[in-house]
PDB file of N, CA and C in Angstrom:
ATOM      1  N   ASP A   1       1.195  -1.531   0.185  1.00  0.00           N
ATOM      2  CA  ASP A   1       0.035   0.038   0.179  1.00  0.00           C
ATOM      3  C   ASP A   1       0.674   0.981   0.076  1.00  0.00           C
ATOM      4  N   MET A   2       0.544   1.694  -1.326  1.00  0.00           N
ATOM      5  CA  MET A   2       1.674   3.344  -1.403  1.00  0.00           C
ATOM      6  C   MET A   2       1.347   4.340   0.164  1.00  0.00           C
ATOM      7  N   GLU A   3      -0.031   4.230   0.608  1.00  0.00           N
ATOM      8  CA  GLU A   3      -0.103   4.989   1.531  1.00  0.00           C
ATOM      9  C   GLU A   3       0.438   5.010   2.740  1.00  0.00           C
ATOM     10  N   THR A   4       1.293   3.774   2.816  1.00  0.00           N
ATOM     11  CA  THR A   4       1.628   3.104   4.544  1.00  0.00           C
ATOM     12  C   THR A   4       3.280   2.890   4.209  1.00  0.00           C
ATOM     13  N   VAL A   5       3.564   2.228   2.843  1.00  0.00           N
ATOM     14  CA  VAL A   5       5.147   2.288   2.893  1.00  0.00           C
ATOM     15  C   VAL A   5       6.116   3.259   2.790  1.00  0.00           C
ATOM     16  N   GLU A   6       6.858   3.055   3.371  1.00  0.00           N
ATOM     17  CA  GLU A   6       8.176   3.922   3.718  1.00  0.00           C
ATOM     18  C   GLU A   6       9.374   3.496   2.961  1.00  0.00           C
ATOM     19  N   SER A   7       9.709   4.532   1.735  1.00  0.00           N
ATOM     20  CA  SER A   7      10.781   4.094   0.713  1.00  0.00           C
ATOM     21  C   SER A   7      11.906   3.485   1.230  1.00  0.00           C
ATOM     22  N   HIS A   8      12.224   3.847   2.080  1.00  0.00           N
ATOM     23  CA  HIS A   8      13.732   3.699   2.956  1.00  0.00           C
ATOM     24  C   HIS A   8      13.448   1.484   2.953  1.00  0.00           C
ATOM     25  N   THR A   9      12.308   1.331   3.267  1.00  0.00           N
ATOM     26  CA  THR A   9      12.225  -0.440   3.591  1.00  0.00           C
ATOM     27  C   THR A   9      12.142  -1.216   2.292  1.00  0.00           C
ATOM     28  N   GLN A  10      12.260  -0.094   1.083  1.00  0.00           N
ATOM     29  CA  GLN A  10      12.454  -0.783   0.021  1.00  0.00           C
ATOM     30  C   GLN A  10      13.572  -0.301  -1.124  1.00  0.00           C
ATOM     31  N   VAL A  11      14.305   0.019  -0.762  1.00  0.00           N
ATOM     32  CA  VAL A  11      15.979   0.873  -1.020  1.00  0.00           C
ATOM     33  C   VAL A  11      16.653  -0.839  -0.993  1.00  0.00           C
ATOM     34  N   GLU A  12      17.165  -0.896  -2.295  1.00  0.00           N
ATOM     35  CA  GLU A  12      17.799  -2.403  -3.268  1.00  0.00           C
ATOM     36  C   GLU A  12      19.350  -2.098  -2.198  1.00  0.00           C
ATOM     37  N   TRP A  13      19.499  -2.913  -1.511  1.00  0.00           N
ATOM     38  CA  TRP A  13      20.713  -3.262  -0.870  1.00  0.00           C
ATOM     39  C   TRP A  13      22.058  -4.329  -1.088  1.00  0.00           C
ATOM     40  N   ASP A  14      23.090  -4.087  -1.119  1.00  0.00           N
ATOM     41  CA  ASP A  14      24.246  -4.545  -1.567  1.00  0.00           C
ATOM     42  C   ASP A  14      24.566  -5.522  -0.547  1.00  0.00           C
ATOM     43  N   GLU A  15      24.072  -6.667   0.036  1.00  0.00           N
ATOM     44  CA  GLU A  15      24.517  -7.557   0.651  1.00  0.00           C
ATOM     45  C   GLU A  15      26.186  -7.773   1.707  1.00  0.00           C
ATOM     46  N   GLU A  16      26.798  -7.571   0.551  1.00  0.00           N
ATOM     47  CA  GLU A  16      28.318  -7.628   0.870  1.00  0.00           C
ATOM     48  C   GLU A  16      29.120  -6.486   1.442  1.00  0.00           C
ATOM     49  N   ALA A  17      28.596  -5.695   0.679  1.00  0.00           N
ATOM     50  CA  ALA A  17      28.663  -3.869   1.205  1.00  0.00           C
ATOM     51  C   ALA A  17      28.182  -3.709   2.471  1.00  0.00           C
ATOM     52  N   GLU A  18      26.718  -4.495   2.728  1.00  0.00           N
ATOM     53  CA  GLU A  18      26.187  -4.325   3.609  1.00  0.00           C
ATOM     54  C   GLU A  18      25.935  -2.705   4.010  1.00  0.00           C
ATOM     55  N   GLU A  19      25.671  -2.283   2.356  1.00  0.00           N
ATOM     56  CA  GLU A  19      25.326  -0.714   2.153  1.00  0.00           C
ATOM     57  C   GLU A  19      24.251  -1.182   0.949  1.00  0.00           C
ATOM     58  N   PRO A  20      23.792   0.289   1.041  1.00  0.00           N
ATOM     59  CA  PRO A  20      22.350   0.412  -0.092  1.00  0.00           C
ATOM     60  C   PRO A  20      23.334   0.522  -1.232  1.00  0.00           C
ATOM     61  N   VAL A  21      22.679   0.300  -2.281  1.00  0.00           N
ATOM     62  CA  VAL A  21      23.607   0.076  -3.644  1.00  0.00           C
ATOM     63  C   VAL A  21      23.474   1.727  -4.708  1.00  0.00           C
ATOM     64  N   ARG A  22      22.657   2.328  -3.969  1.00  0.00           N
ATOM     65  CA  ARG A  22      22.822   3.742  -4.031  1.00  0.00           C
ATOM     66  C   ARG A  22      22.933   4.680  -3.440  1.00  0.00           C
ATOM     67  N   ALA A  23      24.098   5.758  -3.639  1.00  0.00           N
ATOM     68  CA  ALA A  23      24.205   6.767  -2.709  1.00  0.00           C
ATOM     69  C   ALA A  23      23.635   7.455  -2.102  1.00  0.00           C
ATOM     70  N   GLN A  24      22.465   8.011  -3.651  1.00  0.00           N
ATOM     71  CA  GLN A  24      21.726   8.880  -3.049  1.00  0.00           C
ATOM     72  C   GLN A  24      20.241   8.660  -3.088  1.00  0.00           C
ATOM     73  N   HIS A  25      19.291   9.057  -2.260  1.00  0.00           N
ATOM     74  CA  HIS A  25      17.753   8.594  -2.483  1.00  0.00           C
ATOM     75  C   HIS A  25      17.038   9.603  -2.561  1.00  0.00           C
ATOM     76  N   VAL A  26      15.955   9.523  -2.691  1.00  0.00           N
ATOM     77  CA  VAL A  26      14.904  10.911  -3.324  1.00  0.00           C
ATOM     78  C   VAL A  26      13.643  11.263  -2.133  1.00  0.00           C
ATOM     79  N   TYR A  27      14.024  12.183  -1.217  1.00  0.00           N
ATOM     80  CA  TYR A  27      12.681  12.402  -0.362  1.00  0.00           C
ATOM     81  C   TYR A  27      11.782  13.655  -0.828  1.00  0.00           C
ATOM     82  N   VAL A  28      10.732  14.076  -0.817  1.00  0.00           N
ATOM     83  CA  VAL A  28      10.430  15.029  -0.732  1.00  0.00           C
ATOM     84  C   VAL A  28       9.587  15.839   0.607  1.00  0.00           C
ATOM     85  N   ASP A  29      10.314  17.227   0.981  1.00  0.00           N
ATOM     86  CA  ASP A  29       9.696  17.736   2.277  1.00  0.00           C
ATOM     87  C   ASP A  29       8.209  18.198   1.993  1.00  0.00           C
ATOM     88  N   GLU A  30       7.424  17.405   2.751  1.00  0.00           N
ATOM     89  CA  GLU A  30       6.017  17.157   2.530  1.00  0.00           C
ATOM     90  C   GLU A  30       5.281  18.869   3.043  1.00  0.00           C
ATOM     91  N   VAL A  31       6.132  19.114   3.718  1.00  0.00           N
ATOM     92  CA  VAL A  31       6.056  20.478   4.925  1.00  0.00           C
ATOM     93  C   VAL A  31       5.752  21.862   3.601  1.00  0.00           C
ATOM     94  N   THR A  32       6.897  21.679   2.762  1.00  0.00           N
ATOM     95  CA  THR A  32       7.179  22.752   1.427  1.00  0.00           C
ATOM     96  C   THR A  32       6.338  22.187   0.424  1.00  0.00           C
ATOM     97  N   CYS A  33       5.762  21.156   0.255  1.00  0.00           N
ATOM     98  CA  CYS A  33       5.418  20.720  -0.693  1.00  0.00           C
ATOM     99  C   CYS A  33       3.940  21.421  -1.195  1.00  0.00           C
ATOM    100  N   ILE A  34       3.347  21.556  -2.402  1.00  0.00           N
ATOM    101  CA  ILE A  34       2.481  22.755  -2.204  1.00  0.00           C
ATOM    102  C   ILE A  34       1.096  21.551  -3.088  1.00  0.00           C
ATOM    103  N   GLY A  35       1.839  20.385  -3.556  1.00  0.00           N
ATOM    104  CA  GLY A  35       0.570  19.790  -3.963  1.00  0.00           C
ATOM    105  C   GLY A  35       0.156  19.745  -5.239  1.00  0.00           C
ATOM    106  N   CYS A  36       1.291  20.081  -6.370  1.00  0.00           N
ATOM    107  CA  CYS A  36       0.984  20.352  -7.969  1.00  0.00           C
ATOM    108  C   CYS A  36       0.776  19.250  -8.473  1.00  0.00           C
ATOM    109  N   THR A  37       1.505  18.024  -8.127  1.00  0.00           N
ATOM    110  CA  THR A  37       1.004  16.820  -9.134  1.00  0.00           C
ATOM    111  C   THR A  37       2.471  16.864  -9.985  1.00  0.00           C
ATOM    112  N   ASN A  38       3.458  17.505 -10.081  1.00  0.00           N
ATOM    113  CA  ASN A  38       4.077  17.664 -11.195  1.00  0.00           C
ATOM    114  C   ASN A  38       4.983  16.322 -10.987  1.00  0.00           C
ATOM    115  N   CYS A  39       5.810  16.137 -10.010  1.00  0.00           N
ATOM    116  CA  CYS A  39       6.795  15.157  -9.977  1.00  0.00           C
ATOM    117  C   CYS A  39       5.590  13.830  -9.929  1.00  0.00           C
ATOM    118  N   ALA A  40       4.545  13.539  -9.548  1.00  0.00           N
ATOM    119  CA  ALA A  40       4.006  12.352  -9.765  1.00  0.00           C
ATOM    120  C   ALA A  40       3.330  12.352 -11.002  1.00  0.00           C
ATOM    121  N   MET A  41       3.062  12.917 -11.900  1.00  0.00           N
ATOM    122  CA  MET A  41       2.646  12.683 -13.231  1.00  0.00           C
ATOM    123  C   MET A  41       3.978  12.420 -14.153  1.00  0.00           C
ATOM    124  N   ILE A  42       4.807  13.207 -13.906  1.00  0.00           N
ATOM    125  CA  ILE A  42       6.397  12.906 -14.685  1.00  0.00           C
ATOM    126  C   ILE A  42       6.561  11.459 -14.187  1.00  0.00           C
ATOM    127  N   ALA A  43       6.975  11.041 -12.938  1.00  0.00           N
ATOM    128  CA  ALA A  43       7.689   9.880 -12.650  1.00  0.00           C
ATOM    129  C   ALA A  43       6.773   8.976 -11.607  1.00  0.00           C
ATOM    130  N   GLN A  44       5.687   8.270 -12.527  1.00  0.00           N
ATOM    131  CA  GLN A  44       4.955   7.574 -11.797  1.00  0.00           C
ATOM    132  C   GLN A  44       4.805   6.439 -10.684  1.00  0.00           C
ATOM    133  N   SER A  45       6.308   5.859 -11.506  1.00  0.00           N
ATOM    134  CA  SER A  45       6.759   4.746 -10.444  1.00  0.00           C
ATOM    135  C   SER A  45       7.941   4.962  -9.194  1.00  0.00           C
ATOM    136  N   THR A  46       7.746   6.536  -9.119  1.00  0.00           N
ATOM    137  CA  THR A  46       8.745   6.629  -8.165  1.00  0.00           C
ATOM    138  C   THR A  46       7.734   7.483  -6.834  1.00  0.00           C
ATOM    139  N   PHE A  47       7.071   8.204  -7.453  1.00  0.00           N
ATOM    140  CA  PHE A  47       6.271   9.357  -6.342  1.00  0.00           C
ATOM    141  C   PHE A  47       4.737   9.219  -6.293  1.00  0.00           C
ATOM    142  N   PHE A  48       4.206   9.821  -5.955  1.00  0.00           N
ATOM    143  CA  PHE A  48       2.392   9.279  -5.578  1.00  0.00           C
ATOM    144  C   PHE A  48       2.225  10.944  -4.884  1.00  0.00           C
ATOM    145  N   MET A  49       0.857  10.645  -5.140  1.00  0.00           N
ATOM    146  CA  MET A  49       0.105  11.833  -4.030  1.00  0.00           C
ATOM    147  C   MET A  49      -0.282  11.364  -3.029  1.00  0.00           C
ATOM    148  N   GLU A  50       0.147  12.112  -1.595  1.00  0.00           N
ATOM    149  CA  GLU A  50      -0.369  10.982  -0.249  1.00  0.00           C
ATOM    150  C   GLU A  50      -1.851  11.588  -0.091  1.00  0.00           C
ATOM    151  N   GLY A  51      -2.742  10.813   0.370  1.00  0.00           N
ATOM    152  CA  GLY A  51      -4.077  11.195   0.151  1.00  0.00           C
ATOM    153  C   GLY A  51      -4.259  12.074   1.143  1.00  0.00           C
ATOM    154  N   GLU A  52      -3.894  11.731   2.472  1.00  0.00           N
ATOM    155  CA  GLU A  52      -4.554  12.794   3.648  1.00  0.00           C
ATOM    156  C   GLU A  52      -4.311  14.060   3.550  1.00  0.00           C
ATOM    157  N   HIS A  53      -3.374  14.761   3.110  1.00  0.00           N
ATOM    158  CA  HIS A  53      -2.540  16.333   2.548  1.00  0.00           C
ATOM    159  C   HIS A  53      -2.640  16.719   1.768  1.00  0.00           C
ATOM    160  N   GLY A  54      -2.250  15.561   0.371  1.00  0.00           N
ATOM    161  CA  GLY A  54      -2.367  15.758  -1.001  1.00  0.00           C
ATOM    162  C   GLY A  54      -0.759  16.008  -1.255  1.00  0.00           C
ATOM    163  N   ARG A  55       0.014  15.831  -0.307  1.00  0.00           N
ATOM    164  CA  ARG A  55       1.122  16.048  -0.859  1.00  0.00           C
ATOM    165  C   ARG A  55       1.871  15.098  -1.549  1.00  0.00           C
ATOM    166  N   ALA A  56       3.024  15.432  -2.216  1.00  0.00           N
ATOM    167  CA  ALA A  56       3.907  14.308  -3.168  1.00  0.00           C
ATOM    168  C   ALA A  56       4.513  12.966  -1.948  1.00  0.00           C
ATOM    169  N   ARG A  57       4.658  12.393  -2.404  1.00  0.00           N
ATOM    170  CA  ARG A  57       5.538  11.372  -1.604  1.00  0.00           C
ATOM    171  C   ARG A  57       6.703  10.297  -2.626  1.00  0.00           C
ATOM    172  N   VAL A  58       7.425   9.837  -2.063  1.00  0.00           N
ATOM    173  CA  VAL A  58       8.582   8.676  -2.810  1.00  0.00           C
ATOM    174  C   VAL A  58       7.598   7.204  -2.169  1.00  0.00           C
ATOM    175  N   PHE A  59       7.701   6.789  -2.937  1.00  0.00           N
ATOM    176  CA  PHE A  59       7.043   5.387  -2.590  1.00  0.00           C
ATOM    177  C   PHE A  59       7.619   4.018  -3.053  1.00  0.00           C
ATOM    178  N   GLN A  60       8.568   4.977  -3.621  1.00  0.00           N
ATOM    179  CA  GLN A  60       9.733   3.389  -4.865  1.00  0.00           C
ATOM    180  C   GLN A  60      10.789   4.435  -4.694  1.00  0.00           C
ATOM    181  N   GLN A  61      12.095   3.672  -4.420  1.00  0.00           N
ATOM    182  CA  GLN A  61      13.307   5.001  -4.830  1.00  0.00           C
ATOM    183  C   GLN A  61      13.440   4.199  -5.791  1.00  0.00           C
ATOM    184  N   TRP A  62      13.878   4.873  -6.761  1.00  0.00           N
ATOM    185  CA  TRP A  62      14.392   4.718  -8.185  1.00  0.00           C
ATOM    186  C   TRP A  62      12.788   4.013  -8.817  1.00  0.00           C
ATOM    187  N   GLY A  63      11.997   4.209  -8.957  1.00  0.00           N
ATOM    188  CA  GLY A  63      10.935   3.457  -9.452  1.00  0.00           C
ATOM    189  C   GLY A  63      10.981   4.123 -11.340  1.00  0.00           C
ATOM    190  N   ASP A  64      11.659   4.794 -11.075  1.00  0.00           N
ATOM    191  CA  ASP A  64      11.698   5.310 -13.091  1.00  0.00           C
ATOM    192  C   ASP A  64      13.239   5.939 -13.369  1.00  0.00           C
ATOM    193  N   ASP A  65      13.426   5.943 -14.378  1.00  0.00           N
ATOM    194  CA  ASP A  65      15.040   5.864 -14.810  1.00  0.00           C
ATOM    195  C   ASP A  65      15.699   7.646 -14.015  1.00  0.00           C
ATOM    196  N   ASP A  66      16.738   7.390 -13.655  1.00  0.00           N
ATOM    197  CA  ASP A  66      17.331   8.452 -13.517  1.00  0.00           C
ATOM    198  C   ASP A  66      16.809  10.066 -14.008  1.00  0.00           C
ATOM    199  N   GLU A  67      16.863   9.823 -15.286  1.00  0.00           N
ATOM    200  CA  GLU A  67      16.936  11.382 -16.372  1.00  0.00           C
ATOM    201  C   GLU A  67      15.165  11.157 -16.236  1.00  0.00           C
ATOM    202  N   THR A  68      14.230  10.478 -15.361  1.00  0.00           N
ATOM    203  CA  THR A  68      12.889  10.951 -15.363  1.00  0.00           C
ATOM    204  C   THR A  68      13.036  11.574 -14.225  1.00  0.00           C
ATOM    205  N   ILE A  69      13.244  10.903 -12.964  1.00  0.00           N
ATOM    206  CA  ILE A  69      12.999  11.140 -11.758  1.00  0.00           C
ATOM    207  C   ILE A  69      13.454  13.103 -11.672  1.00  0.00           C
ATOM    208  N   GLU A  70      15.328  12.713 -12.543  1.00  0.00           N
ATOM    209  CA  GLU A  70      15.680  14.589 -12.382  1.00  0.00           C
ATOM    210  C   GLU A  70      14.832  15.361 -13.090  1.00  0.00           C
ATOM    211  N   VAL A  71      14.096  15.088 -14.124  1.00  0.00           N
ATOM    212  CA  VAL A  71      13.083  16.183 -14.515  1.00  0.00           C
ATOM    213  C   VAL A  71      11.780  16.335 -13.847  1.00  0.00           C
ATOM    214  N   ALA A  72      11.259  15.165 -13.033  1.00  0.00           N
ATOM    215  CA  ALA A  72      10.503  15.535 -11.926  1.00  0.00           C
ATOM    216  C   ALA A  72      11.391  17.019 -10.722  1.00  0.00           C
ATOM    217  N   ILE A  73      11.881  16.351 -10.531  1.00  0.00           N
ATOM    218  CA  ILE A  73      12.862  17.136  -9.785  1.00  0.00           C
ATOM    219  C   ILE A  73      12.815  18.337  -9.678  1.00  0.00           C
ATOM    220  N   GLN A  74      13.383  18.733 -11.272  1.00  0.00           N
ATOM    221  CA  GLN A  74      13.360  19.643 -12.019  1.00  0.00           C
ATOM    222  C   GLN A  74      11.974  20.833 -12.031  1.00  0.00           C
ATOM    223  N   THR A  75      10.970  20.165 -12.447  1.00  0.00           N
ATOM    224  CA  THR A  75       9.531  20.705 -12.751  1.00  0.00           C
ATOM    225  C   THR A  75       8.853  21.343 -11.036  1.00  0.00           C
ATOM    226  N   CYS A  76       9.616  20.854  -9.933  1.00  0.00           N
ATOM    227  CA  CYS A  76       8.848  20.907  -8.570  1.00  0.00           C
ATOM    228  C   CYS A  76       8.938  22.915  -8.796  1.00  0.00           C
ATOM    229  N   PRO A  77       7.916  23.550  -8.487  1.00  0.00           N
ATOM    230  CA  PRO A  77       8.100  24.975  -8.182  1.00  0.00           C
ATOM    231  C   PRO A  77       8.351  25.214  -6.981  1.00  0.00           C
ATOM    232  N   VAL A  78       8.179  24.436  -5.921  1.00  0.00           N
ATOM    233  CA  VAL A  78       9.011  25.110  -4.648  1.00  0.00           C
ATOM    234  C   VAL A  78      10.472  23.977  -4.214  1.00  0.00           C
ATOM    235  N   ASP A  79      10.626  23.275  -5.381  1.00  0.00           N
ATOM    236  CA  ASP A  79      12.021  22.959  -4.754  1.00  0.00           C
ATOM    237  C   ASP A  79      11.912  22.335  -3.767  1.00  0.00           C
ATOM    238  N   CYS A  80      10.894  21.128  -3.437  1.00  0.00           N
ATOM    239  CA  CYS A  80      10.512  20.255  -2.215  1.00  0.00           C
ATOM    240  C   CYS A  80      11.076  18.948  -2.329  1.00  0.00           C
ATOM    241  N   ILE A  81      11.992  18.420  -3.714  1.00  0.00           N
ATOM    242  CA  ILE A  81      12.596  17.473  -4.003  1.00  0.00           C
ATOM    243  C   ILE A  81      14.070  17.098  -3.378  1.00  0.00           C
ATOM    244  N   HIS A  82      14.501  16.762  -2.692  1.00  0.00           N
ATOM    245  CA  HIS A  82      16.061  16.590  -2.443  1.00  0.00           C
ATOM    246  C   HIS A  82      16.668  15.050  -2.618  1.00  0.00           C
ATOM    247  N   TYR A  83      18.226  14.995  -2.715  1.00  0.00           N
ATOM    248  CA  TYR A  83      18.724  13.842  -2.791  1.00  0.00           C
ATOM    249  C   TYR A  83      19.325  13.813  -1.163  1.00  0.00           C
ATOM    250  N   VAL A  84      19.163  12.829  -0.814  1.00  0.00           N
ATOM    251  CA  VAL A  84      19.431  12.157   0.611  1.00  0.00           C
ATOM    252  C   VAL A  84      20.233  10.913   0.424  1.00  0.00           C
ATOM    253  N   PRO A  85      21.431  10.742   1.420  1.00  0.00           N
ATOM    254  CA  PRO A  85      21.925   9.551   2.000  1.00  0.00           C
ATOM    255  C   PRO A  85      21.152   8.822   2.437  1.00  0.00           C
ATOM    256  N   TYR A  86      21.213   7.193   2.289  1.00  0.00           N
ATOM    257  CA  TYR A  86      20.071   6.435   3.208  1.00  0.00           C
ATOM    258  C   TYR A  86      19.814   6.339   4.633  1.00  0.00           C
ATOM    259  N   ASP A  87      21.060   6.821   5.600  1.00  0.00           N
ATOM    260  CA  ASP A  87      20.681   7.393   6.568  1.00  0.00           C
ATOM    261  C   ASP A  87      19.719   8.465   7.223  1.00  0.00           C
ATOM    262  N   GLU A  88      19.906   9.420   6.304  1.00  0.00           N
ATOM    263  CA  GLU A  88      19.057  10.646   6.278  1.00  0.00           C
ATOM    264  C   GLU A  88      17.575  10.470   5.728  1.00  0.00           C
ATOM    265  N   LEU A  89      17.351   9.732   4.788  1.00  0.00           N
ATOM    266  CA  LEU A  89      16.265   9.187   4.348  1.00  0.00           C
ATOM    267  C   LEU A  89      15.593   8.174   5.650  1.00  0.00           C
ATOM    268  N   LYS A  90      15.717   7.482   5.902  1.00  0.00           N
ATOM    269  CA  LYS A  90      15.539   6.645   7.212  1.00  0.00           C
ATOM    270  C   LYS A  90      14.859   7.550   8.057  1.00  0.00           C
ATOM    271  N   ARG A  91      15.922   8.116   8.461  1.00  0.00           N
ATOM    272  CA  ARG A  91      15.531   9.362   9.437  1.00  0.00           C
ATOM    273  C   ARG A  91      14.214  10.245   9.198  1.00  0.00           C
ATOM    274  N   LEU A  92      14.501  10.791   8.640  1.00  0.00           N
ATOM    275  CA  LEU A  92      13.180  11.619   7.830  1.00  0.00           C
ATOM    276  C   LEU A  92      11.839  10.818   7.713  1.00  0.00           C
ATOM    277  N   GLU A  93      12.081   9.770   7.057  1.00  0.00           N
ATOM    278  CA  GLU A  93      10.583   9.009   7.011  1.00  0.00           C
ATOM    279  C   GLU A  93      10.227   8.758   8.313  1.00  0.00           C
ATOM    280  N   ILE A  94      10.972   8.490   9.275  1.00  0.00           N
ATOM    281  CA  ILE A  94      10.676   7.502  10.283  1.00  0.00           C
ATOM    282  C   ILE A  94      10.044   9.002  11.410  1.00  0.00           C
ATOM    283  N   GLU A  95      10.546  10.380  11.392  1.00  0.00           N
ATOM    284  CA  GLU A  95       9.974  11.495  11.863  1.00  0.00           C
ATOM    285  C   GLU A  95       8.744  11.645  11.125  1.00  0.00           C
ATOM    286  N   ARG A  96       8.704  11.617   9.966  1.00  0.00           N
ATOM    287  CA  ARG A  96       7.048  12.040   9.095  1.00  0.00           C
ATOM    288  C   ARG A  96       5.873  11.184   9.864  1.00  0.00           C
ATOM    289  N   ARG A  97       6.239  10.111  10.601  1.00  0.00           N
ATOM    290  CA  ARG A  97       5.390   9.283  11.070  1.00  0.00           C
ATOM    291  C   ARG A  97       4.482  10.197  11.848  1.00  0.00           C
ATOM    292  N   GLN A  98       5.018  11.499  12.602  1.00  0.00           N
ATOM    293  CA  GLN A  98       4.500  12.134  13.791  1.00  0.00           C
ATOM    294  C   GLN A  98       4.117  13.699  13.028  1.00  0.00           C
ATOM    295  N   GLN A  99       4.541  13.878  11.814  1.00  0.00           N
ATOM    296  CA  GLN A  99       4.394  15.296  11.409  1.00  0.00           C
ATOM    297  C   GLN A  99       3.629  15.606  11.308  1.00  0.00           C
ATOM    298  N   ASN A 100       3.189  17.352  11.714  1.00  0.00           N
ATOM    299  CA  ASN A 100       1.858  17.625  11.010  1.00  0.00           C
ATOM    300  C   ASN A 100       1.702  18.584  10.474  1.00  0.00           C
ATOM    301  N   ILE A 101       0.977  18.255   9.159  1.00  0.00           N
ATOM    302  CA  ILE A 101       1.252  19.502   8.042  1.00  0.00           C
ATOM    303  C   ILE A 101       0.082  20.456   8.165  1.00  0.00           C
TER     304      ILE A 101
END
């Protein structure tokens, strides 16, 4: 269920290196997001519009190719989509559970 899944739990992991395959991950600052739907329309396998507050959220890290995700990020009118390392992504998604918008 996209509404409840946290993208850090879906990150592809390198078992030998004991770290994520990718160094950077995509995160939407939902407090800043204005719900324009640009990212969710462009990169539909990465972003969706969260139902309760109508803000964008990542449900699958790198669900789309790099170029498509970059276009989605660049079209954000409020620059609320950021690349973050895995540890920060995990922290931000866990903190979001208690977030009030």
